[in-house]
Amino acid sequence: MTERDAWSMNGYLGVLVIAVLIGVGIINIIHEHFFLGIFFFVIAIILATGLTLVQPNQSVVVLFFGKYVGSVRKEGLIITIPFSVRRKISLRVRNFHSRRLKVNDINGNPIEIAAVIVFRVVDSAKAVFDVDQYEEFVEIQSETALRAVATKYPYDSFDETELTLRGNAEEISDELKTEVHERLYVAGVDIMEARLTHLAYSTEIAQAMLQRQQASAIVAARKQIVEGAVGMVQDAIEQLEQTGVVKLNEEKRMIMINNLLVSIVADNGTQPIINTGSIQENG
């Protein structure tokens, strides 16, 4: 089912035509032309059944004896097919805010997630005839898409190459928008924006996951510190040997490397011990 234009004419002109027909009918009845007067009255009534008012950003779906004959988007007072059934569909931009859904991320951790979907109807025929209650269809399919996206990614990760729900909000929102659009295209609905509005671990594991996050953060920070320290020590040893400031044998090299690593990696500032030699007394 695809939207197409239904026959319509300017409603004000139609009202004028109806008034003229009624006037002609009255004149004929006054002149005792009863059948002709009734005929004009009937024509006026038939045209009046097609009068309808279309608001801005609104579409009127027209059915004639159960058959879809088209839609009218021209705002204002119009006359369309007489004796037709007309259903009004809003084309305005609307928001749908999902419930807080409890799902498992790709690692199996239970999380709470919610999103807001900004949408509008672009095909009134699809919205009316291809789905039943398109507003409810939008809600159910949006939450289904949100669940599907949430299960593809971890809540959080310290690996910068991996997409996460918390760390890659833009990418997740774009994928959610695509996912929802594919599901709602059949209903003639266009998705303008999709954004996460709530994201958190479920209450039953929130404290445990916070401790796990802290531990993972400490491990990641330590790893980065150690990698940086190794590079700094390597550069320092190479510069000392290249400039000829000191000549180190294998044992002295290992001692210097150990001392440098300890001083760089230690949490607290290290206190150096200065060796000034020994003093011997002659007695």
C-alpha atoms as a PDB file:
ATOM      1  CA  MET A   1       0.000   0.000   0.000  1.00  0.00           C
ATOM      2  CA  THR A   2       1.412   3.369  -1.057  1.00  0.00           C
ATOM      3  CA  GLU A   3      -0.021   6.826  -0.439  1.00  0.00           C
ATOM      4  CA  ARG A   4      -1.537   8.641  -3.404  1.00  0.00           C
ATOM      5  CA  ASP A   5      -3.578  11.821  -3.827  1.00  0.00           C
ATOM      6  CA  ALA A   6      -7.360  11.644  -3.537  1.00  0.00           C
ATOM      7  CA  TRP A   7      -9.711  13.875  -5.499  1.00  0.00           C
ATOM      8  CA  SER A   8     -10.470  17.115  -3.693  1.00  0.00           C
ATOM      9  CA  MET A   9     -11.518  20.678  -4.366  1.00  0.00           C
ATOM     10  CA  ASN A  10     -11.427  23.960  -2.508  1.00  0.00           C
ATOM     11  CA  GLY A  11     -13.901  23.743   0.354  1.00  0.00           C
ATOM     12  CA  TYR A  12     -14.926  27.395   0.251  1.00  0.00           C
ATOM     13  CA  LEU A  13     -15.766  27.106  -3.412  1.00  0.00           C
ATOM     14  CA  GLY A  14     -17.663  23.941  -2.558  1.00  0.00           C
ATOM     15  CA  VAL A  15     -19.658  25.725   0.141  1.00  0.00           C
ATOM     16  CA  LEU A  16     -20.552  28.416  -2.415  1.00  0.00           C
ATOM     17  CA  VAL A  17     -21.706  25.754  -4.887  1.00  0.00           C
ATOM     18  CA  ILE A  18     -23.800  24.076  -2.169  1.00  0.00           C
ATOM     19  CA  ALA A  19     -25.386  27.418  -1.249  1.00  0.00           C
ATOM     20  CA  VAL A  20     -26.210  28.093  -4.918  1.00  0.00           C
ATOM     21  CA  LEU A  21     -27.774  24.632  -5.308  1.00  0.00           C
ATOM     22  CA  ILE A  22     -29.884  25.155  -2.200  1.00  0.00           C
ATOM     23  CA  GLY A  23     -30.967  28.575  -3.476  1.00  0.00           C
ATOM     24  CA  VAL A  24     -31.902  27.158  -6.894  1.00  0.00           C
ATOM     25  CA  GLY A  25     -33.817  24.382  -5.154  1.00  0.00           C
ATOM     26  CA  ILE A  26     -35.797  26.861  -3.075  1.00  0.00           C
ATOM     27  CA  ILE A  27     -36.638  28.947  -6.156  1.00  0.00           C
ATOM     28  CA  ASN A  28     -37.881  25.869  -7.999  1.00  0.00           C
ATOM     29  CA  ILE A  29     -40.030  24.825  -5.064  1.00  0.00           C
ATOM     30  CA  ILE A  30     -41.500  28.346  -4.866  1.00  0.00           C
ATOM     31  CA  HIS A  31     -42.372  28.082  -8.547  1.00  0.00           C
ATOM     32  CA  GLU A  32     -43.920  24.681  -7.821  1.00  0.00           C
ATOM     33  CA  HIS A  33     -41.185  22.733  -9.621  1.00  0.00           C
ATOM     34  CA  PHE A  34     -41.008  20.296  -6.697  1.00  0.00           C
ATOM     35  CA  PHE A  35     -39.100  17.462  -8.331  1.00  0.00           C
ATOM     36  CA  LEU A  36     -36.464  19.811  -9.755  1.00  0.00           C
ATOM     37  CA  GLY A  37     -36.157  21.583  -6.405  1.00  0.00           C
ATOM     38  CA  ILE A  38     -35.711  18.257  -4.570  1.00  0.00           C
ATOM     39  CA  PHE A  39     -33.091  17.232  -7.152  1.00  0.00           C
ATOM     40  CA  PHE A  40     -30.978  20.329  -6.400  1.00  0.00           C
ATOM     41  CA  PHE A  41     -31.418  19.745  -2.666  1.00  0.00           C
ATOM     42  CA  VAL A  42     -30.143  16.154  -3.032  1.00  0.00           C
ATOM     43  CA  ILE A  43     -27.101  17.286  -5.046  1.00  0.00           C
ATOM     44  CA  ALA A  44     -26.309  19.867  -2.351  1.00  0.00           C
ATOM     45  CA  ILE A  45     -26.570  17.221   0.413  1.00  0.00           C
ATOM     46  CA  ILE A  46     -24.342  14.805  -1.517  1.00  0.00           C
ATOM     47  CA  LEU A  47     -21.641  17.466  -1.936  1.00  0.00           C
ATOM     48  CA  ALA A  48     -21.953  18.441   1.748  1.00  0.00           C
ATOM     49  CA  THR A  49     -21.078  14.871   2.818  1.00  0.00           C
ATOM     50  CA  GLY A  50     -17.626  15.411   1.286  1.00  0.00           C
ATOM     51  CA  LEU A  51     -16.807  18.497   3.373  1.00  0.00           C
ATOM     52  CA  THR A  52     -13.853  18.026   5.718  1.00  0.00           C
ATOM     53  CA  LEU A  53     -11.318  20.186   7.538  1.00  0.00           C
ATOM     54  CA  VAL A  54      -7.592  19.393   7.252  1.00  0.00           C
ATOM     55  CA  GLN A  55      -5.230  20.830   9.859  1.00  0.00           C
ATOM     56  CA  PRO A  56      -1.601  21.809   9.061  1.00  0.00           C
ATOM     57  CA  ASN A  57       0.720  18.775   9.050  1.00  0.00           C
ATOM     58  CA  GLN A  58      -2.230  16.421   8.822  1.00  0.00           C
ATOM     59  CA  SER A  59      -3.282  13.858   6.241  1.00  0.00           C
ATOM     60  CA  VAL A  60      -6.820  12.608   5.621  1.00  0.00           C
ATOM     61  CA  VAL A  61      -7.074   9.023   4.399  1.00  0.00           C
ATOM     62  CA  VAL A  62     -10.151   8.607   2.196  1.00  0.00           C
ATOM     63  CA  LEU A  63     -12.038   5.290   1.844  1.00  0.00           C
ATOM     64  CA  PHE A  64     -14.989   4.819  -0.465  1.00  0.00           C
ATOM     65  CA  PHE A  65     -17.066   1.730   0.368  1.00  0.00           C
ATOM     66  CA  GLY A  66     -14.041   0.019   1.905  1.00  0.00           C
ATOM     67  CA  LYS A  67     -11.611   0.891  -0.892  1.00  0.00           C
ATOM     68  CA  TYR A  68      -8.661   3.216  -0.424  1.00  0.00           C
ATOM     69  CA  VAL A  69      -8.989   6.040  -2.959  1.00  0.00           C
ATOM     70  CA  GLY A  70      -6.178   8.306  -1.757  1.00  0.00           C
ATOM     71  CA  SER A  71      -5.103  10.835   0.850  1.00  0.00           C
ATOM     72  CA  VAL A  72      -5.552  14.591   1.129  1.00  0.00           C
ATOM     73  CA  ARG A  73      -2.782  16.787   2.564  1.00  0.00           C
ATOM     74  CA  LYS A  74      -4.019  20.211   1.456  1.00  0.00           C
ATOM     75  CA  GLU A  75      -4.750  22.128   4.644  1.00  0.00           C
ATOM     76  CA  GLY A  76      -7.962  24.049   5.158  1.00  0.00           C
ATOM     77  CA  LEU A  77     -11.581  23.349   4.243  1.00  0.00           C
ATOM     78  CA  ILE A  78     -11.877  20.927   1.309  1.00  0.00           C
ATOM     79  CA  ILE A  79     -14.482  18.793  -0.430  1.00  0.00           C
ATOM     80  CA  THR A  80     -13.515  15.259  -1.308  1.00  0.00           C
ATOM     81  CA  ILE A  81     -15.427  12.205  -2.541  1.00  0.00           C
ATOM     82  CA  PRO A  82     -18.998  12.244  -1.116  1.00  0.00           C
ATOM     83  CA  PHE A  83     -20.137   9.440   1.233  1.00  0.00           C
ATOM     84  CA  SER A  84     -16.506   8.503   1.881  1.00  0.00           C
ATOM     85  CA  VAL A  85     -15.022   7.526   5.231  1.00  0.00           C
ATOM     86  CA  ARG A  86     -12.190   9.817   6.230  1.00  0.00           C
ATOM     87  CA  ARG A  87      -9.509   9.069   8.813  1.00  0.00           C
ATOM     88  CA  LYS A  88      -7.145  11.799   9.974  1.00  0.00           C
ATOM     89  CA  ILE A  89      -3.449  10.995  10.552  1.00  0.00           C
ATOM     90  CA  SER A  90      -1.011  13.424  12.172  1.00  0.00           C
ATOM     91  CA  LEU A  91       2.186  14.128  10.228  1.00  0.00           C
ATOM     92  CA  ARG A  92       3.754  16.123  13.062  1.00  0.00           C
ATOM     93  CA  VAL A  93       7.082  15.211  14.635  1.00  0.00           C
ATOM     94  CA  ARG A  94       6.568  13.182  17.808  1.00  0.00           C
ATOM     95  CA  ASN A  95       8.642  11.652  20.603  1.00  0.00           C
ATOM     96  CA  PHE A  96       8.435   8.194  22.053  1.00  0.00           C
ATOM     97  CA  HIS A  97      10.275   7.654  25.339  1.00  0.00           C
ATOM     98  CA  SER A  98      10.775   3.972  26.063  1.00  0.00           C
ATOM     99  CA  ARG A  99      10.501   2.332  29.445  1.00  0.00           C
ATOM    100  CA  ARG A 100      13.659   1.408  31.339  1.00  0.00           C
ATOM    101  CA  LEU A 101      14.363  -2.022  29.927  1.00  0.00           C
ATOM    102  CA  LYS A 102      16.392  -4.632  31.777  1.00  0.00           C
ATOM    103  CA  VAL A 103      18.579  -6.569  29.319  1.00  0.00           C
ATOM    104  CA  ASN A 104      21.914  -8.381  29.271  1.00  0.00           C
ATOM    105  CA  ASP A 105      24.860  -6.913  27.404  1.00  0.00           C
ATOM    106  CA  ILE A 106      27.112  -9.087  25.231  1.00  0.00           C
ATOM    107  CA  ASN A 107      29.034 -10.198  28.341  1.00  0.00           C
ATOM    108  CA  GLY A 108      25.857 -11.285  30.105  1.00  0.00           C
ATOM    109  CA  ASN A 109      25.810  -8.392  32.587  1.00  0.00           C
ATOM    110  CA  PRO A 110      22.274  -7.176  33.413  1.00  0.00           C
ATOM    111  CA  ILE A 111      21.836  -3.491  32.594  1.00  0.00           C
ATOM    112  CA  GLU A 112      19.041  -0.930  32.507  1.00  0.00           C
ATOM    113  CA  ILE A 113      18.637   1.025  29.278  1.00  0.00           C
ATOM    114  CA  ALA A 114      16.129   3.503  27.839  1.00  0.00           C
ATOM    115  CA  ALA A 115      15.942   5.668  24.732  1.00  0.00           C
ATOM    116  CA  VAL A 116      13.924   8.432  23.093  1.00  0.00           C
ATOM    117  CA  ILE A 117      12.788   7.989  19.476  1.00  0.00           C
ATOM    118  CA  VAL A 118      11.872  11.036  17.365  1.00  0.00           C
ATOM    119  CA  PHE A 119       9.607  10.056  14.470  1.00  0.00           C
ATOM    120  CA  ARG A 120       6.946  11.234  12.058  1.00  0.00           C
ATOM    121  CA  VAL A 121       4.506   9.585   9.640  1.00  0.00           C
ATOM    122  CA  VAL A 122       5.545  10.070   6.001  1.00  0.00           C
ATOM    123  CA  ASP A 123       3.117   7.627   4.331  1.00  0.00           C
ATOM    124  CA  SER A 124      -0.405   7.749   5.740  1.00  0.00           C
ATOM    125  CA  ALA A 125      -1.587   4.767   3.677  1.00  0.00           C
ATOM    126  CA  LYS A 126       1.067   2.472   5.165  1.00  0.00           C
ATOM    127  CA  ALA A 127       0.372   3.774   8.671  1.00  0.00           C
ATOM    128  CA  VAL A 128      -3.347   2.989   8.375  1.00  0.00           C
ATOM    129  CA  PHE A 129      -3.485  -0.169   6.246  1.00  0.00           C
ATOM    130  CA  ASP A 130      -0.137  -2.000   6.576  1.00  0.00           C
ATOM    131  CA  VAL A 131      -0.116  -2.186  10.390  1.00  0.00           C
ATOM    132  CA  ASP A 132      -2.743  -2.236  13.097  1.00  0.00           C
ATOM    133  CA  GLN A 133      -2.505   0.738  15.490  1.00  0.00           C
ATOM    134  CA  TYR A 134       0.743   2.241  14.215  1.00  0.00           C
ATOM    135  CA  GLU A 135       1.425   4.171  17.469  1.00  0.00           C
ATOM    136  CA  GLU A 136       1.519   0.916  19.418  1.00  0.00           C
ATOM    137  CA  PHE A 137       3.563  -0.656  16.619  1.00  0.00           C
ATOM    138  CA  VAL A 138       6.141   2.152  16.947  1.00  0.00           C
ATOM    139  CA  GLU A 139       6.431   1.607  20.704  1.00  0.00           C
ATOM    140  CA  ILE A 140       6.857  -2.170  20.541  1.00  0.00           C
ATOM    141  CA  GLN A 141       9.295  -2.180  17.627  1.00  0.00           C
ATOM    142  CA  SER A 142      11.382   0.640  19.125  1.00  0.00           C
ATOM    143  CA  GLU A 143      11.829  -1.254  22.384  1.00  0.00           C
ATOM    144  CA  THR A 144      12.605  -4.453  20.457  1.00  0.00           C
ATOM    145  CA  ALA A 145      15.290  -2.645  18.448  1.00  0.00           C
ATOM    146  CA  LEU A 146      16.725  -1.156  21.645  1.00  0.00           C
ATOM    147  CA  ARG A 147      17.017  -4.622  23.176  1.00  0.00           C
ATOM    148  CA  ALA A 148      18.693  -5.945  20.023  1.00  0.00           C
ATOM    149  CA  VAL A 149      21.321  -3.184  19.986  1.00  0.00           C
ATOM    150  CA  ALA A 150      22.007  -3.433  23.738  1.00  0.00           C
ATOM    151  CA  THR A 151      22.840  -7.150  23.484  1.00  0.00           C
ATOM    152  CA  LYS A 152      25.488  -6.575  20.783  1.00  0.00           C
ATOM    153  CA  TYR A 153      27.941  -4.559  22.890  1.00  0.00           C
ATOM    154  CA  PRO A 154      29.475  -4.578  26.366  1.00  0.00           C
ATOM    155  CA  TYR A 155      28.411  -1.941  28.854  1.00  0.00           C
ATOM    156  CA  ASP A 156      31.991  -0.777  29.319  1.00  0.00           C
ATOM    157  CA  SER A 157      35.538  -1.798  28.372  1.00  0.00           C
ATOM    158  CA  PHE A 158      39.023  -0.398  28.755  1.00  0.00           C
ATOM    159  CA  ASP A 159      39.991  -1.603  25.296  1.00  0.00           C
ATOM    160  CA  GLU A 160      39.705   1.538  23.157  1.00  0.00           C
ATOM    161  CA  THR A 161      39.322  -0.527  19.972  1.00  0.00           C
ATOM    162  CA  GLU A 162      36.027  -2.026  21.164  1.00  0.00           C
ATOM    163  CA  LEU A 163      32.689  -0.258  20.912  1.00  0.00           C
ATOM    164  CA  THR A 164      30.803   0.014  24.199  1.00  0.00           C
ATOM    165  CA  LEU A 165      27.380   1.264  25.190  1.00  0.00           C
ATOM    166  CA  ARG A 166      28.796   3.806  27.635  1.00  0.00           C
ATOM    167  CA  GLY A 167      31.835   4.965  25.739  1.00  0.00           C
ATOM    168  CA  ASN A 168      30.465   5.228  22.184  1.00  0.00           C
ATOM    169  CA  ALA A 169      27.138   6.985  22.544  1.00  0.00           C
ATOM    170  CA  GLU A 170      27.154   8.490  19.029  1.00  0.00           C
ATOM    171  CA  GLU A 171      27.876   5.196  17.269  1.00  0.00           C
ATOM    172  CA  ILE A 172      25.300   3.338  19.372  1.00  0.00           C
ATOM    173  CA  SER A 173      22.664   6.003  18.669  1.00  0.00           C
ATOM    174  CA  ASP A 174      23.333   5.813  14.919  1.00  0.00           C
ATOM    175  CA  GLU A 175      22.972   2.037  14.946  1.00  0.00           C
ATOM    176  CA  LEU A 176      19.802   2.272  17.030  1.00  0.00           C
ATOM    177  CA  LYS A 177      18.340   4.762  14.551  1.00  0.00           C
ATOM    178  CA  THR A 178      19.120   2.417  11.635  1.00  0.00           C
ATOM    179  CA  GLU A 179      17.698  -0.575  13.481  1.00  0.00           C
ATOM    180  CA  VAL A 180      14.450   1.206  14.361  1.00  0.00           C
ATOM    181  CA  HIS A 181      14.082   2.657  10.843  1.00  0.00           C
ATOM    182  CA  GLU A 182      14.314  -0.801   9.271  1.00  0.00           C
ATOM    183  CA  ARG A 183      11.589  -2.091  11.579  1.00  0.00           C
ATOM    184  CA  LEU A 184       9.213   0.874  11.148  1.00  0.00           C
ATOM    185  CA  TYR A 185       9.567   1.447   7.404  1.00  0.00           C
ATOM    186  CA  VAL A 186       6.659  -0.925   6.834  1.00  0.00           C
ATOM    187  CA  ALA A 187       4.432   1.408   8.885  1.00  0.00           C
ATOM    188  CA  GLY A 188       5.287   4.489   6.793  1.00  0.00           C
ATOM    189  CA  VAL A 189       7.210   6.024   9.694  1.00  0.00           C
ATOM    190  CA  ASP A 190      10.490   7.923   9.332  1.00  0.00           C
ATOM    191  CA  ILE A 191      12.945   7.967  12.250  1.00  0.00           C
ATOM    192  CA  MET A 192      14.550  11.372  12.667  1.00  0.00           C
ATOM    193  CA  GLU A 193      16.638  10.683  15.768  1.00  0.00           C
ATOM    194  CA  ALA A 194      17.295   7.975  18.347  1.00  0.00           C
ATOM    195  CA  ARG A 195      19.188   8.667  21.578  1.00  0.00           C
ATOM    196  CA  LEU A 196      19.930   6.742  24.764  1.00  0.00           C
ATOM    197  CA  THR A 197      18.470   8.533  27.786  1.00  0.00           C
ATOM    198  CA  HIS A 198      19.378   6.051  30.514  1.00  0.00           C
ATOM    199  CA  LEU A 199      22.170   3.515  30.866  1.00  0.00           C
ATOM    200  CA  ALA A 200      23.237   1.817  34.091  1.00  0.00           C
ATOM    201  CA  TYR A 201      23.973  -1.549  35.621  1.00  0.00           C
ATOM    202  CA  SER A 202      21.002  -3.221  37.251  1.00  0.00           C
ATOM    203  CA  THR A 203      20.653  -2.450  40.961  1.00  0.00           C
ATOM    204  CA  GLU A 204      21.418  -6.021  42.065  1.00  0.00           C
ATOM    205  CA  ILE A 205      24.926  -5.939  40.584  1.00  0.00           C
ATOM    206  CA  ALA A 206      25.652  -2.221  40.517  1.00  0.00           C
ATOM    207  CA  GLN A 207      27.957  -2.257  43.571  1.00  0.00           C
ATOM    208  CA  ALA A 208      29.848  -5.339  42.419  1.00  0.00           C
ATOM    209  CA  MET A 209      30.306  -3.939  38.914  1.00  0.00           C
ATOM    210  CA  LEU A 210      31.520  -0.638  40.344  1.00  0.00           C
ATOM    211  CA  GLN A 211      34.235  -2.479  42.236  1.00  0.00           C
ATOM    212  CA  ARG A 212      35.062  -4.437  39.101  1.00  0.00           C
ATOM    213  CA  GLN A 213      35.290  -1.198  37.102  1.00  0.00           C
ATOM    214  CA  GLN A 214      37.618   0.293  39.696  1.00  0.00           C
ATOM    215  CA  ALA A 215      39.823  -2.808  39.678  1.00  0.00           C
ATOM    216  CA  SER A 216      39.911  -2.864  35.873  1.00  0.00           C
ATOM    217  CA  ALA A 217      40.779   0.817  35.818  1.00  0.00           C
ATOM    218  CA  ILE A 218      43.655   0.277  38.251  1.00  0.00           C
ATOM    219  CA  VAL A 219      44.982  -2.639  36.193  1.00  0.00           C
ATOM    220  CA  ALA A 220      44.737  -0.626  32.970  1.00  0.00           C
ATOM    221  CA  ALA A 221      46.470   2.358  34.568  1.00  0.00           C
ATOM    222  CA  ARG A 222      49.238   0.160  35.980  1.00  0.00           C
ATOM    223  CA  LYS A 223      49.772  -1.442  32.616  1.00  0.00           C
ATOM    224  CA  GLN A 224      50.132   1.947  30.963  1.00  0.00           C
ATOM    225  CA  ILE A 225      52.518   3.144  33.677  1.00  0.00           C
ATOM    226  CA  VAL A 226      54.718   0.065  33.325  1.00  0.00           C
ATOM    227  CA  GLU A 227      54.824   0.357  29.542  1.00  0.00           C
ATOM    228  CA  GLY A 228      55.813   4.021  29.829  1.00  0.00           C
ATOM    229  CA  ALA A 229      58.410   3.274  32.514  1.00  0.00           C
ATOM    230  CA  VAL A 230      60.079   0.585  30.396  1.00  0.00           C
ATOM    231  CA  GLY A 231      60.368   3.001  27.497  1.00  0.00           C
ATOM    232  CA  MET A 232      61.782   5.770  29.697  1.00  0.00           C
ATOM    233  CA  VAL A 233      64.392   3.465  31.255  1.00  0.00           C
ATOM    234  CA  GLN A 234      65.419   2.123  27.864  1.00  0.00           C
ATOM    235  CA  ASP A 235      65.890   5.661  26.505  1.00  0.00           C
ATOM    236  CA  ALA A 236      67.836   6.738  29.602  1.00  0.00           C
ATOM    237  CA  ILE A 237      70.259   3.792  29.438  1.00  0.00           C
ATOM    238  CA  GLU A 238      70.832   4.257  25.708  1.00  0.00           C
ATOM    239  CA  GLN A 239      71.526   7.991  26.080  1.00  0.00           C
ATOM    240  CA  LEU A 240      73.967   7.429  28.943  1.00  0.00           C
ATOM    241  CA  GLU A 241      75.911   4.833  26.983  1.00  0.00           C
ATOM    242  CA  GLN A 242      75.872   6.806  23.718  1.00  0.00           C
ATOM    243  CA  THR A 243      77.207   9.992  25.329  1.00  0.00           C
ATOM    244  CA  GLY A 244      79.851   8.049  27.250  1.00  0.00           C
ATOM    245  CA  VAL A 245      78.862   9.518  30.602  1.00  0.00           C
ATOM    246  CA  VAL A 246      79.114   6.124  32.254  1.00  0.00           C
ATOM    247  CA  LYS A 247      80.232   2.668  31.247  1.00  0.00           C
ATOM    248  CA  LEU A 248      78.035  -0.043  32.658  1.00  0.00           C
ATOM    249  CA  ASN A 249      78.726  -3.722  32.889  1.00  0.00           C
ATOM    250  CA  GLU A 250      75.829  -6.185  32.951  1.00  0.00           C
ATOM    251  CA  GLU A 251      75.511  -6.137  36.741  1.00  0.00           C
ATOM    252  CA  LYS A 252      75.519  -2.324  36.983  1.00  0.00           C
ATOM    253  CA  ARG A 253      73.055  -2.129  34.097  1.00  0.00           C
ATOM    254  CA  MET A 254      70.586  -4.408  35.892  1.00  0.00           C
ATOM    255  CA  ILE A 255      70.933  -2.423  39.123  1.00  0.00           C
ATOM    256  CA  MET A 256      70.301   0.887  37.346  1.00  0.00           C
ATOM    257  CA  ILE A 257      67.328  -0.516  35.451  1.00  0.00           C
ATOM    258  CA  ASN A 258      65.853  -1.854  38.691  1.00  0.00           C
ATOM    259  CA  ASN A 259      66.323   1.459  40.517  1.00  0.00           C
ATOM    260  CA  LEU A 260      64.846   3.509  37.670  1.00  0.00           C
ATOM    261  CA  LEU A 261      61.823   1.242  37.343  1.00  0.00           C
ATOM    262  CA  VAL A 262      61.159   1.340  41.081  1.00  0.00           C
ATOM    263  CA  SER A 263      61.401   5.150  41.193  1.00  0.00           C
ATOM    264  CA  ILE A 264      59.092   5.606  38.200  1.00  0.00           C
ATOM    265  CA  VAL A 265      56.467   2.956  39.019  1.00  0.00           C
ATOM    266  CA  ALA A 266      56.260   3.507  42.789  1.00  0.00           C
ATOM    267  CA  ASP A 267      53.054   5.140  44.075  1.00  0.00           C
ATOM    268  CA  ASN A 268      54.917   7.354  46.543  1.00  0.00           C
ATOM    269  CA  GLY A 269      57.988   9.414  45.846  1.00  0.00           C
ATOM    270  CA  THR A 270      61.182   7.409  46.368  1.00  0.00           C
ATOM    271  CA  GLN A 271      63.880   8.564  48.798  1.00  0.00           C
ATOM    272  CA  PRO A 272      67.306   8.146  47.186  1.00  0.00           C
ATOM    273  CA  ILE A 273      70.246   6.879  49.232  1.00  0.00           C
ATOM    274  CA  ILE A 274      73.405   8.789  48.331  1.00  0.00           C
ATOM    275  CA  ASN A 275      76.654   6.870  48.536  1.00  0.00           C
ATOM    276  CA  THR A 276      79.477   9.273  49.489  1.00  0.00           C
ATOM    277  CA  GLY A 277      82.093   6.606  50.150  1.00  0.00           C
ATOM    278  CA  SER A 278      83.551   5.431  53.505  1.00  0.00           C
ATOM    279  CA  ILE A 279      85.751   7.119  56.139  1.00  0.00           C
ATOM    280  CA  GLN A 280      88.408   4.994  57.840  1.00  0.00           C
ATOM    281  CA  GLU A 281      90.008   6.126  61.125  1.00  0.00           C
ATOM    282  CA  ASN A 282      93.700   5.497  61.769  1.00  0.00           C
ATOM    283  CA  GLY A 283      94.418   4.666  65.330  1.00  0.00           C
END
